[in-house]
Amino acid sequence: MVIKVGSGEIDDLSTLSVLDEESLLRELRARYKKGIIYTYIGDVLIAINPFKQLNIYEKQVCFIEQEQKEKHLINKKKKTLF
């Protein structure tokens, strides 16, 4: 299946046959218009600020994120003390 550049359907831009500025911007713009703010280029994650609330995270995911941050801070504190 061939996906056209600028369709907003390409999740990883490193798979583009022509990896130039114009192609990257065209695809990022199309994804942004669809409300898709996260795009990969290989191992790099590009996040575009939507300047609006998207409600893409469930409450459960937000709670897990907060829990992980708290654990991270506690571990840093422990390492600092020892």
N, C-alpha and C. Protein backbone atom coordinates (compact mmCIF):
# COMPACT_ATOMS: atom_id res chain seq x y z
N MET A 1 0.84 -1.18 0.00
CA MET A 1 0.00 0.00 0.00
C MET A 1 0.89 1.25 0.00
N VAL A 2 0.66 2.13 -0.93
CA VAL A 2 1.43 3.37 -1.04
C VAL A 2 0.65 4.48 -0.36
N ILE A 3 1.33 5.18 0.55
CA ILE A 3 0.70 6.31 1.24
C ILE A 3 1.29 7.60 0.69
N LYS A 4 0.44 8.51 0.29
CA LYS A 4 0.87 9.76 -0.31
C LYS A 4 1.38 10.73 0.76
N VAL A 5 2.50 11.38 0.49
CA VAL A 5 3.04 12.40 1.39
C VAL A 5 2.06 13.56 1.44
N GLY A 6 1.77 14.01 2.66
CA GLY A 6 0.82 15.09 2.83
C GLY A 6 -0.57 14.60 3.17
N SER A 7 -0.70 13.27 3.30
CA SER A 7 -2.00 12.69 3.64
C SER A 7 -2.23 12.69 5.15
N GLY A 8 -1.16 12.81 5.92
CA GLY A 8 -1.27 12.77 7.37
C GLY A 8 -1.33 11.37 7.92
N GLU A 9 -1.04 10.38 7.09
CA GLU A 9 -1.14 8.97 7.49
C GLU A 9 0.21 8.33 7.82
N ILE A 10 1.30 9.04 7.64
CA ILE A 10 2.63 8.46 7.86
C ILE A 10 3.04 8.69 9.31
N ASP A 11 3.14 7.59 10.09
CA ASP A 11 3.48 7.69 11.51
C ASP A 11 4.97 7.93 11.74
N ASP A 12 5.81 7.37 10.87
CA ASP A 12 7.26 7.49 11.02
C ASP A 12 7.82 8.12 9.74
N LEU A 13 8.23 9.36 9.85
CA LEU A 13 8.68 10.10 8.66
C LEU A 13 10.01 9.59 8.11
N SER A 14 10.72 8.77 8.87
CA SER A 14 11.97 8.22 8.34
C SER A 14 11.69 7.20 7.23
N THR A 15 10.44 6.79 7.07
CA THR A 15 10.08 5.85 6.01
C THR A 15 9.78 6.54 4.68
N LEU A 16 9.83 7.87 4.66
CA LEU A 16 9.59 8.60 3.41
C LEU A 16 10.68 8.25 2.40
N SER A 17 10.30 8.12 1.14
CA SER A 17 11.29 7.83 0.10
C SER A 17 12.18 9.04 -0.16
N VAL A 18 11.61 10.24 -0.05
CA VAL A 18 12.38 11.48 -0.18
C VAL A 18 12.26 12.20 1.16
N LEU A 19 13.37 12.29 1.86
CA LEU A 19 13.37 12.88 3.20
C LEU A 19 13.96 14.29 3.11
N ASP A 20 13.14 15.23 2.65
CA ASP A 20 13.59 16.62 2.55
C ASP A 20 12.66 17.51 3.37
N GLU A 21 13.03 18.77 3.50
CA GLU A 21 12.28 19.71 4.33
C GLU A 21 10.83 19.84 3.87
N GLU A 22 10.62 19.94 2.57
CA GLU A 22 9.27 20.11 2.03
C GLU A 22 8.37 18.92 2.38
N SER A 23 8.88 17.70 2.21
CA SER A 23 8.09 16.50 2.52
C SER A 23 7.77 16.41 4.00
N LEU A 24 8.76 16.69 4.84
CA LEU A 24 8.56 16.64 6.29
C LEU A 24 7.49 17.64 6.72
N LEU A 25 7.62 18.87 6.25
CA LEU A 25 6.66 19.91 6.64
C LEU A 25 5.26 19.63 6.12
N ARG A 26 5.17 19.11 4.90
CA ARG A 26 3.86 18.80 4.32
C ARG A 26 3.15 17.73 5.15
N GLU A 27 3.88 16.70 5.55
CA GLU A 27 3.27 15.62 6.34
C GLU A 27 2.94 16.09 7.76
N LEU A 28 3.85 16.84 8.38
CA LEU A 28 3.58 17.36 9.72
C LEU A 28 2.36 18.28 9.73
N ARG A 29 2.25 19.11 8.71
CA ARG A 29 1.11 20.02 8.59
C ARG A 29 -0.20 19.24 8.44
N ALA A 30 -0.18 18.21 7.62
CA ALA A 30 -1.39 17.40 7.40
C ALA A 30 -1.79 16.68 8.69
N ARG A 31 -0.80 16.15 9.42
CA ARG A 31 -1.09 15.46 10.68
C ARG A 31 -1.63 16.45 11.71
N TYR A 32 -1.06 17.64 11.76
CA TYR A 32 -1.52 18.68 12.69
C TYR A 32 -2.98 19.04 12.42
N LYS A 33 -3.33 19.19 11.15
CA LYS A 33 -4.71 19.53 10.79
C LYS A 33 -5.70 18.43 11.21
N LYS A 34 -5.21 17.19 11.29
CA LYS A 34 -6.05 16.07 11.73
C LYS A 34 -6.06 15.92 13.25
N GLY A 35 -5.31 16.78 13.94
CA GLY A 35 -5.25 16.69 15.40
C GLY A 35 -4.24 15.68 15.90
N ILE A 36 -3.36 15.23 15.02
CA ILE A 36 -2.31 14.28 15.39
C ILE A 36 -1.05 15.09 15.69
N ILE A 37 -0.72 15.22 16.97
CA ILE A 37 0.39 16.10 17.34
C ILE A 37 1.70 15.35 17.54
N TYR A 38 1.66 14.02 17.57
CA TYR A 38 2.88 13.23 17.77
C TYR A 38 3.26 12.50 16.49
N THR A 39 4.52 12.63 16.08
CA THR A 39 5.03 11.97 14.88
C THR A 39 6.47 11.55 15.14
N TYR A 40 6.82 10.37 14.68
CA TYR A 40 8.20 9.88 14.81
C TYR A 40 9.00 10.18 13.55
N ILE A 41 10.28 10.42 13.76
CA ILE A 41 11.27 10.40 12.68
C ILE A 41 12.35 9.47 13.20
N GLY A 42 12.21 8.19 12.88
CA GLY A 42 13.10 7.18 13.47
C GLY A 42 12.83 7.06 14.95
N ASP A 43 13.87 7.25 15.77
CA ASP A 43 13.73 7.17 17.23
C ASP A 43 13.32 8.50 17.86
N VAL A 44 13.24 9.55 17.06
CA VAL A 44 12.94 10.88 17.58
C VAL A 44 11.43 11.13 17.51
N LEU A 45 10.87 11.58 18.62
CA LEU A 45 9.44 11.91 18.66
C LEU A 45 9.28 13.42 18.52
N ILE A 46 8.51 13.83 17.53
CA ILE A 46 8.20 15.24 17.31
C ILE A 46 6.82 15.49 17.91
N ALA A 47 6.71 16.51 18.75
CA ALA A 47 5.42 16.90 19.33
C ALA A 47 5.16 18.35 18.97
N ILE A 48 4.01 18.61 18.36
CA ILE A 48 3.65 19.96 17.95
C ILE A 48 2.58 20.48 18.91
N ASN A 49 2.81 21.65 19.47
CA ASN A 49 1.86 22.24 20.41
C ASN A 49 0.57 22.60 19.67
N PRO A 50 -0.56 22.00 20.07
CA PRO A 50 -1.81 22.27 19.37
C PRO A 50 -2.48 23.58 19.79
N PHE A 51 -2.00 24.20 20.87
CA PHE A 51 -2.56 25.45 21.38
C PHE A 51 -4.05 25.32 21.71
N LYS A 52 -4.48 24.09 22.06
CA LYS A 52 -5.85 23.84 22.50
C LYS A 52 -5.89 22.51 23.24
N GLN A 53 -6.94 22.28 24.00
CA GLN A 53 -7.12 21.04 24.74
C GLN A 53 -7.57 19.95 23.77
N LEU A 54 -6.87 18.82 23.72
CA LEU A 54 -7.25 17.74 22.81
C LEU A 54 -7.97 16.59 23.49
N ASN A 55 -7.86 16.48 24.80
CA ASN A 55 -8.48 15.37 25.54
C ASN A 55 -8.08 14.01 24.97
N ILE A 56 -6.78 13.83 24.74
CA ILE A 56 -6.30 12.57 24.17
C ILE A 56 -5.82 11.61 25.24
N TYR A 57 -5.81 12.04 26.49
CA TYR A 57 -5.38 11.18 27.58
C TYR A 57 -6.55 10.87 28.49
N GLU A 58 -6.72 9.60 28.80
CA GLU A 58 -7.76 9.20 29.74
C GLU A 58 -7.29 9.52 31.15
N LYS A 59 -8.23 9.62 32.09
CA LYS A 59 -7.87 9.91 33.48
C LYS A 59 -6.92 8.86 34.03
N GLN A 60 -7.12 7.60 33.65
CA GLN A 60 -6.27 6.51 34.13
C GLN A 60 -4.82 6.72 33.68
N VAL A 61 -4.62 7.12 32.44
CA VAL A 61 -3.27 7.36 31.93
C VAL A 61 -2.62 8.51 32.68
N CYS A 62 -3.37 9.58 32.91
CA CYS A 62 -2.84 10.73 33.65
C CYS A 62 -2.44 10.33 35.06
N PHE A 63 -3.24 9.46 35.70
CA PHE A 63 -2.94 8.99 37.04
C PHE A 63 -1.65 8.17 37.04
N ILE A 64 -1.49 7.30 36.06
CA ILE A 64 -0.28 6.48 35.95
C ILE A 64 0.93 7.38 35.76
N GLU A 65 0.82 8.39 34.90
CA GLU A 65 1.92 9.33 34.68
C GLU A 65 2.32 10.01 35.98
N GLN A 66 1.34 10.47 36.75
CA GLN A 66 1.61 11.14 38.01
C GLN A 66 2.31 10.20 38.98
N GLU A 67 1.83 8.94 39.04
CA GLU A 67 2.45 7.94 39.91
C GLU A 67 3.91 7.73 39.54
N GLN A 68 4.20 7.62 38.25
CA GLN A 68 5.57 7.40 37.78
C GLN A 68 6.45 8.59 38.13
N LYS A 69 5.94 9.80 38.00
CA LYS A 69 6.72 10.99 38.35
C LYS A 69 7.05 10.99 39.83
N GLU A 70 6.06 10.63 40.65
CA GLU A 70 6.29 10.60 42.10
C GLU A 70 7.34 9.56 42.46
N LYS A 71 7.27 8.38 41.84
CA LYS A 71 8.26 7.33 42.09
C LYS A 71 9.65 7.81 41.67
N HIS A 72 9.72 8.49 40.55
CA HIS A 72 10.99 9.00 40.05
C HIS A 72 11.58 10.00 41.04
N LEU A 73 10.75 10.89 41.55
CA LEU A 73 11.23 11.89 42.52
C LEU A 73 11.69 11.23 43.81
N ILE A 74 10.96 10.21 44.26
CA ILE A 74 11.35 9.49 45.48
C ILE A 74 12.68 8.80 45.27
N ASN A 75 12.87 8.15 44.14
CA ASN A 75 14.14 7.48 43.84
C ASN A 75 15.30 8.47 43.77
N LYS A 76 15.07 9.62 43.17
CA LYS A 76 16.12 10.65 43.10
C LYS A 76 16.48 11.12 44.50
N LYS A 77 15.47 11.28 45.34
CA LYS A 77 15.69 11.73 46.71
C LYS A 77 16.52 10.70 47.47
N LYS A 78 16.18 9.42 47.30
CA LYS A 78 16.92 8.34 47.97
C LYS A 78 18.38 8.34 47.53
N LYS A 79 18.62 8.48 46.23
CA LYS A 79 19.99 8.49 45.71
C LYS A 79 20.77 9.67 46.25
N THR A 80 20.10 10.80 46.39
CA THR A 80 20.76 12.00 46.90
C THR A 80 21.17 11.83 48.36
N LEU A 81 20.33 11.15 49.13
CA LEU A 81 20.60 10.96 50.55
C LEU A 81 21.74 9.98 50.80
N PHE A 82 21.97 9.05 49.89
CA PHE A 82 23.00 8.03 50.12
C PHE A 82 24.24 8.33 49.37
